[in-house]
Amino acid sequence: MSSGGRGDIFGRAMGMLVFLLGICLLVVVFRYAFMLFGQDPAQALDLHFTGDPKRDPLLSVIGFKFGWILVRIGILITMSIAGSFISQRGINLYFSAMQGAPVSPRPAIAPAAHSDARGETS
C-alpha cells in the first residue's frame, strides 16, 4: 500500500534531524539572547565606574565595548536567521520524502446547482 521504501524513511529521518538541528540552534540563540539582555548595562559592557574621572574608563573604551555589544547582537540575528532557514529546509526535506505516499482523500463537495436557463427570464 505504501509507495515508499528505504529512501522515503531515510529522507524523512534526515528531514527530521535537520529540522531538530535548526530548532536546537534557535534554542541556543534565544538562551544566549536572554542571558545577554538580562544583564545590567555595566555588566554587559564590562565597565566599572567609580565616580573618579581619573579611574573611570575612557570614552574610547566605552565606545569599543558598545560596538562589541552591537557585533554580538548582529551575530545573534545572523544565527537566528540561519537556524530558521535550517529548520525550514528540514521540514521541506521531510515533506518531499513523503511525496508519493498515499494521502487521505478529501471529502467530496457537492457541485453547485446551476440553471439551464442561460440568461432567459421566466
N, C-alpha and C. Protein backbone atom coordinates (compact mmCIF):
# COMPACT_ATOMS: atom_id res chain seq x y z
N MET A 1 0.82 -1.18 0.00
CA MET A 1 0.00 0.00 0.00
C MET A 1 0.86 1.24 0.00
N SER A 2 1.97 1.23 0.70
CA SER A 2 2.82 2.41 0.71
C SER A 2 3.76 2.35 -0.47
N SER A 3 3.94 3.49 -1.10
CA SER A 3 4.83 3.54 -2.26
C SER A 3 6.26 3.77 -1.84
N GLY A 4 6.48 4.02 -0.57
CA GLY A 4 7.82 4.34 -0.08
C GLY A 4 8.59 3.10 0.28
N GLY A 5 9.84 3.25 0.24
CA GLY A 5 10.72 2.18 0.66
C GLY A 5 11.75 2.74 1.61
N ARG A 6 12.95 2.27 1.44
CA ARG A 6 14.02 2.71 2.32
C ARG A 6 14.35 4.18 2.11
N GLY A 7 14.24 4.66 0.88
CA GLY A 7 14.54 6.05 0.59
C GLY A 7 13.60 7.02 1.27
N ASP A 8 12.33 6.67 1.32
CA ASP A 8 11.37 7.55 1.98
C ASP A 8 11.64 7.65 3.47
N ILE A 9 11.93 6.52 4.09
CA ILE A 9 12.19 6.52 5.53
C ILE A 9 13.47 7.27 5.83
N PHE A 10 14.51 7.05 5.02
CA PHE A 10 15.78 7.75 5.22
C PHE A 10 15.60 9.25 5.00
N GLY A 11 14.86 9.63 3.98
CA GLY A 11 14.63 11.04 3.70
C GLY A 11 13.84 11.71 4.81
N ARG A 12 12.83 11.02 5.32
CA ARG A 12 12.06 11.60 6.42
C ARG A 12 12.89 11.71 7.68
N ALA A 13 13.72 10.69 7.95
CA ALA A 13 14.58 10.75 9.14
C ALA A 13 15.59 11.88 9.03
N MET A 14 16.19 12.04 7.84
CA MET A 14 17.14 13.12 7.66
C MET A 14 16.44 14.48 7.77
N GLY A 15 15.25 14.58 7.21
CA GLY A 15 14.48 15.82 7.32
C GLY A 15 14.18 16.17 8.76
N MET A 16 13.80 15.16 9.54
CA MET A 16 13.50 15.41 10.95
C MET A 16 14.77 15.80 11.71
N LEU A 17 15.89 15.16 11.40
CA LEU A 17 17.14 15.51 12.08
C LEU A 17 17.59 16.93 11.73
N VAL A 18 17.46 17.32 10.47
CA VAL A 18 17.83 18.68 10.08
C VAL A 18 16.90 19.68 10.74
N PHE A 19 15.62 19.37 10.81
CA PHE A 19 14.66 20.24 11.49
C PHE A 19 15.03 20.40 12.96
N LEU A 20 15.33 19.30 13.62
CA LEU A 20 15.70 19.37 15.04
C LEU A 20 17.00 20.12 15.25
N LEU A 21 17.94 20.00 14.31
CA LEU A 21 19.18 20.77 14.40
C LEU A 21 18.88 22.26 14.33
N GLY A 22 18.00 22.67 13.43
CA GLY A 22 17.62 24.08 13.34
C GLY A 22 16.92 24.56 14.60
N ILE A 23 16.05 23.74 15.16
CA ILE A 23 15.36 24.10 16.39
C ILE A 23 16.35 24.22 17.55
N CYS A 24 17.32 23.31 17.63
CA CYS A 24 18.33 23.39 18.69
C CYS A 24 19.15 24.67 18.55
N LEU A 25 19.48 25.03 17.32
CA LEU A 25 20.22 26.26 17.10
C LEU A 25 19.39 27.47 17.55
N LEU A 26 18.11 27.46 17.26
CA LEU A 26 17.26 28.57 17.71
C LEU A 26 17.15 28.62 19.23
N VAL A 27 17.09 27.47 19.88
CA VAL A 27 17.04 27.43 21.35
C VAL A 27 18.32 28.02 21.93
N VAL A 28 19.47 27.66 21.35
CA VAL A 28 20.75 28.21 21.82
C VAL A 28 20.78 29.72 21.64
N VAL A 29 20.31 30.20 20.50
CA VAL A 29 20.30 31.64 20.23
C VAL A 29 19.40 32.36 21.22
N PHE A 30 18.20 31.84 21.45
CA PHE A 30 17.28 32.50 22.37
C PHE A 30 17.82 32.48 23.80
N ARG A 31 18.46 31.41 24.18
CA ARG A 31 19.02 31.34 25.53
C ARG A 31 20.16 32.34 25.70
N TYR A 32 21.01 32.43 24.67
CA TYR A 32 22.11 33.38 24.72
C TYR A 32 21.60 34.82 24.73
N ALA A 33 20.57 35.09 23.93
CA ALA A 33 19.98 36.43 23.90
C ALA A 33 19.35 36.77 25.25
N PHE A 34 18.69 35.80 25.86
CA PHE A 34 18.07 36.04 27.16
C PHE A 34 19.14 36.37 28.20
N MET A 35 20.26 35.65 28.17
CA MET A 35 21.35 35.93 29.12
C MET A 35 21.97 37.29 28.84
N LEU A 36 22.16 37.63 27.55
CA LEU A 36 22.78 38.90 27.19
C LEU A 36 21.90 40.07 27.57
N PHE A 37 20.61 39.99 27.26
CA PHE A 37 19.71 41.11 27.52
C PHE A 37 19.21 41.15 28.96
N GLY A 38 19.48 40.12 29.73
CA GLY A 38 19.08 40.11 31.13
C GLY A 38 20.10 40.75 32.05
N GLN A 39 21.26 41.08 31.52
CA GLN A 39 22.31 41.70 32.33
C GLN A 39 22.08 43.20 32.43
N ASP A 40 22.60 43.79 33.50
CA ASP A 40 22.55 45.24 33.57
C ASP A 40 23.63 45.80 32.64
N PRO A 41 23.48 47.02 32.20
CA PRO A 41 24.40 47.57 31.19
C PRO A 41 25.87 47.57 31.62
N ALA A 42 26.15 47.86 32.86
CA ALA A 42 27.55 47.89 33.31
C ALA A 42 28.17 46.49 33.23
N GLN A 43 27.39 45.48 33.54
CA GLN A 43 27.90 44.11 33.48
C GLN A 43 28.02 43.64 32.03
N ALA A 44 27.07 44.00 31.18
CA ALA A 44 27.12 43.60 29.78
C ALA A 44 28.29 44.26 29.06
N LEU A 45 28.56 45.51 29.40
CA LEU A 45 29.68 46.22 28.78
C LEU A 45 31.00 45.95 29.49
N ASP A 46 30.96 45.31 30.63
CA ASP A 46 32.14 45.00 31.45
C ASP A 46 32.88 46.29 31.81
N LEU A 47 32.12 47.27 32.28
CA LEU A 47 32.67 48.55 32.69
C LEU A 47 32.41 48.77 34.17
N HIS A 48 33.36 49.38 34.83
CA HIS A 48 33.22 49.64 36.26
C HIS A 48 33.46 51.13 36.49
N PHE A 49 32.42 51.82 36.93
CA PHE A 49 32.51 53.25 37.18
C PHE A 49 32.64 53.47 38.68
N THR A 50 33.61 54.31 39.04
CA THR A 50 33.86 54.61 40.45
C THR A 50 33.42 56.02 40.82
N GLY A 51 33.22 56.89 39.84
CA GLY A 51 32.89 58.27 40.11
C GLY A 51 34.10 59.17 40.05
N ASP A 52 35.27 58.59 40.02
CA ASP A 52 36.52 59.34 39.88
C ASP A 52 36.87 59.42 38.40
N PRO A 53 36.93 60.64 37.82
CA PRO A 53 37.21 60.76 36.39
C PRO A 53 38.56 60.18 35.97
N LYS A 54 39.50 60.12 36.90
CA LYS A 54 40.82 59.59 36.55
C LYS A 54 40.83 58.06 36.51
N ARG A 55 39.91 57.43 37.20
CA ARG A 55 39.90 55.97 37.26
C ARG A 55 38.80 55.35 36.40
N ASP A 56 37.83 56.16 35.99
CA ASP A 56 36.74 55.65 35.14
C ASP A 56 37.26 55.36 33.74
N PRO A 57 36.60 54.43 33.01
CA PRO A 57 37.05 54.12 31.65
C PRO A 57 36.91 55.31 30.71
N LEU A 58 37.81 55.37 29.74
CA LEU A 58 37.79 56.44 28.76
C LEU A 58 36.64 56.24 27.77
N LEU A 59 36.33 57.32 27.05
CA LEU A 59 35.26 57.26 26.07
C LEU A 59 35.57 56.25 24.97
N SER A 60 36.82 56.13 24.60
CA SER A 60 37.19 55.16 23.56
C SER A 60 36.94 53.73 24.02
N VAL A 61 37.18 53.44 25.27
CA VAL A 61 36.93 52.10 25.81
C VAL A 61 35.42 51.83 25.85
N ILE A 62 34.66 52.83 26.27
CA ILE A 62 33.20 52.67 26.33
C ILE A 62 32.65 52.44 24.92
N GLY A 63 33.14 53.23 23.95
CA GLY A 63 32.69 53.06 22.56
C GLY A 63 33.06 51.70 21.99
N PHE A 64 34.27 51.23 22.30
CA PHE A 64 34.68 49.90 21.82
C PHE A 64 33.80 48.81 22.41
N LYS A 65 33.52 48.88 23.70
CA LYS A 65 32.68 47.87 24.34
C LYS A 65 31.24 47.92 23.80
N PHE A 66 30.73 49.12 23.55
CA PHE A 66 29.40 49.25 22.99
C PHE A 66 29.35 48.68 21.56
N GLY A 67 30.40 48.95 20.79
CA GLY A 67 30.49 48.37 19.44
C GLY A 67 30.53 46.85 19.49
N TRP A 68 31.21 46.29 20.49
CA TRP A 68 31.27 44.84 20.64
C TRP A 68 29.89 44.26 20.97
N ILE A 69 29.12 44.99 21.76
CA ILE A 69 27.74 44.55 22.05
C ILE A 69 26.92 44.54 20.75
N LEU A 70 27.08 45.57 19.92
CA LEU A 70 26.36 45.61 18.65
C LEU A 70 26.76 44.46 17.74
N VAL A 71 28.05 44.10 17.74
CA VAL A 71 28.51 42.95 16.95
C VAL A 71 27.87 41.67 17.47
N ARG A 72 27.80 41.53 18.78
CA ARG A 72 27.18 40.33 19.36
C ARG A 72 25.69 40.25 19.01
N ILE A 73 25.01 41.38 18.99
CA ILE A 73 23.60 41.39 18.59
C ILE A 73 23.47 41.01 17.12
N GLY A 74 24.37 41.51 16.28
CA GLY A 74 24.37 41.13 14.87
C GLY A 74 24.60 39.64 14.67
N ILE A 75 25.49 39.07 15.46
CA ILE A 75 25.74 37.62 15.40
C ILE A 75 24.48 36.85 15.82
N LEU A 76 23.79 37.34 16.84
CA LEU A 76 22.54 36.70 17.27
C LEU A 76 21.50 36.73 16.16
N ILE A 77 21.38 37.86 15.48
CA ILE A 77 20.41 37.97 14.39
C ILE A 77 20.77 36.99 13.27
N THR A 78 22.06 36.94 12.92
CA THR A 78 22.50 36.02 11.86
C THR A 78 22.26 34.57 12.25
N MET A 79 22.54 34.22 13.50
CA MET A 79 22.33 32.84 13.95
C MET A 79 20.85 32.49 13.97
N SER A 80 19.99 33.43 14.34
CA SER A 80 18.56 33.12 14.36
C SER A 80 18.02 32.95 12.94
N ILE A 81 18.50 33.75 12.00
CA ILE A 81 18.08 33.57 10.61
C ILE A 81 18.57 32.22 10.08
N ALA A 82 19.83 31.88 10.39
CA ALA A 82 20.37 30.59 9.95
C ALA A 82 19.60 29.42 10.56
N GLY A 83 19.26 29.52 11.83
CA GLY A 83 18.50 28.45 12.48
C GLY A 83 17.12 28.28 11.87
N SER A 84 16.47 29.39 11.55
CA SER A 84 15.15 29.26 10.94
C SER A 84 15.24 28.70 9.52
N PHE A 85 16.28 29.08 8.76
CA PHE A 85 16.46 28.51 7.42
C PHE A 85 16.75 27.02 7.49
N ILE A 86 17.58 26.62 8.45
CA ILE A 86 17.92 25.19 8.59
C ILE A 86 16.67 24.39 8.95
N SER A 87 15.87 24.89 9.89
CA SER A 87 14.66 24.15 10.26
C SER A 87 13.66 24.12 9.11
N GLN A 88 13.59 25.20 8.32
CA GLN A 88 12.71 25.21 7.16
C GLN A 88 13.16 24.18 6.13
N ARG A 89 14.46 24.07 5.90
CA ARG A 89 14.97 23.07 4.95
C ARG A 89 14.69 21.66 5.44
N GLY A 90 14.77 21.46 6.76
CA GLY A 90 14.46 20.15 7.31
C GLY A 90 13.01 19.76 7.09
N ILE A 91 12.11 20.71 7.29
CA ILE A 91 10.69 20.44 7.05
C ILE A 91 10.44 20.17 5.58
N ASN A 92 11.08 20.95 4.70
CA ASN A 92 10.92 20.72 3.26
C ASN A 92 11.44 19.34 2.87
N LEU A 93 12.57 18.93 3.43
CA LEU A 93 13.12 17.60 3.14
C LEU A 93 12.19 16.51 3.65
N TYR A 94 11.64 16.71 4.83
CA TYR A 94 10.74 15.71 5.42
C TYR A 94 9.50 15.52 4.54
N PHE A 95 8.88 16.62 4.13
CA PHE A 95 7.65 16.50 3.34
C PHE A 95 7.93 16.10 1.89
N SER A 96 9.09 16.44 1.36
CA SER A 96 9.39 16.00 0.00
C SER A 96 9.67 14.50 -0.02
N ALA A 97 10.14 13.94 1.08
CA ALA A 97 10.34 12.50 1.15
C ALA A 97 9.01 11.77 1.26
N MET A 98 7.98 12.46 1.67
CA MET A 98 6.67 11.83 1.81
C MET A 98 5.88 11.89 0.52
N GLN A 99 6.35 12.56 -0.51
CA GLN A 99 5.62 12.61 -1.77
C GLN A 99 5.48 11.21 -2.33
N GLY A 100 4.36 10.93 -2.86
CA GLY A 100 4.09 9.61 -3.40
C GLY A 100 3.43 8.69 -2.39
N ALA A 101 3.47 9.05 -1.14
CA ALA A 101 2.80 8.25 -0.12
C ALA A 101 1.31 8.52 -0.23
N PRO A 102 0.50 7.54 0.10
CA PRO A 102 -0.93 7.74 0.00
C PRO A 102 -1.40 8.85 0.93
N VAL A 103 -2.25 9.68 0.41
CA VAL A 103 -2.79 10.79 1.17
C VAL A 103 -4.27 10.51 1.38
N SER A 104 -4.77 10.82 2.56
CA SER A 104 -6.18 10.58 2.82
C SER A 104 -7.02 11.47 1.91
N PRO A 105 -8.03 10.92 1.30
CA PRO A 105 -8.82 11.72 0.36
C PRO A 105 -9.64 12.77 1.09
N ARG A 106 -9.82 13.90 0.40
CA ARG A 106 -10.66 14.95 0.95
C ARG A 106 -12.12 14.59 0.68
N PRO A 107 -13.00 15.01 1.54
CA PRO A 107 -14.41 14.72 1.30
C PRO A 107 -14.89 15.45 0.05
N ALA A 108 -15.72 14.76 -0.70
CA ALA A 108 -16.25 15.34 -1.93
C ALA A 108 -17.24 16.44 -1.59
N ILE A 109 -17.13 17.54 -2.30
CA ILE A 109 -18.04 18.65 -2.11
C ILE A 109 -19.08 18.58 -3.22
N ALA A 110 -20.34 18.71 -2.83
CA ALA A 110 -21.41 18.63 -3.83
C ALA A 110 -21.27 19.77 -4.81
N PRO A 111 -21.40 19.49 -6.12
CA PRO A 111 -21.28 20.58 -7.10
C PRO A 111 -22.42 21.57 -6.94
N ALA A 112 -22.10 22.80 -7.24
CA ALA A 112 -23.11 23.86 -7.11
C ALA A 112 -24.20 23.66 -8.15
N ALA A 113 -25.42 23.89 -7.76
CA ALA A 113 -26.55 23.75 -8.69
C ALA A 113 -26.51 24.91 -9.68
N HIS A 114 -26.62 24.60 -10.94
CA HIS A 114 -26.61 25.65 -11.95
C HIS A 114 -27.89 25.56 -12.78
N SER A 115 -28.24 26.67 -13.31
CA SER A 115 -29.51 26.77 -14.03
C SER A 115 -29.32 26.44 -15.49
N ASP A 116 -30.37 25.84 -16.09
CA ASP A 116 -30.34 25.56 -17.52
C ASP A 116 -30.84 26.74 -18.33
N ALA A 117 -31.29 27.82 -17.65
CA ALA A 117 -31.95 28.91 -18.33
C ALA A 117 -30.99 29.70 -19.22
N ARG A 118 -29.78 29.87 -18.84
CA ARG A 118 -28.75 30.59 -19.61
C ARG A 118 -29.24 31.96 -20.08
N GLY A 119 -29.52 32.78 -19.14
CA GLY A 119 -29.87 34.15 -19.48
C GLY A 119 -31.33 34.38 -19.79
N GLU A 120 -32.14 33.36 -19.83
CA GLU A 120 -33.56 33.53 -20.13
C GLU A 120 -34.28 33.89 -18.86
N THR A 121 -35.27 34.71 -19.00
CA THR A 121 -36.07 35.05 -17.83
C THR A 121 -37.41 34.32 -17.90
N SER A 122 -37.92 34.02 -16.77
CA SER A 122 -39.17 33.28 -16.79
C SER A 122 -40.38 34.14 -16.68
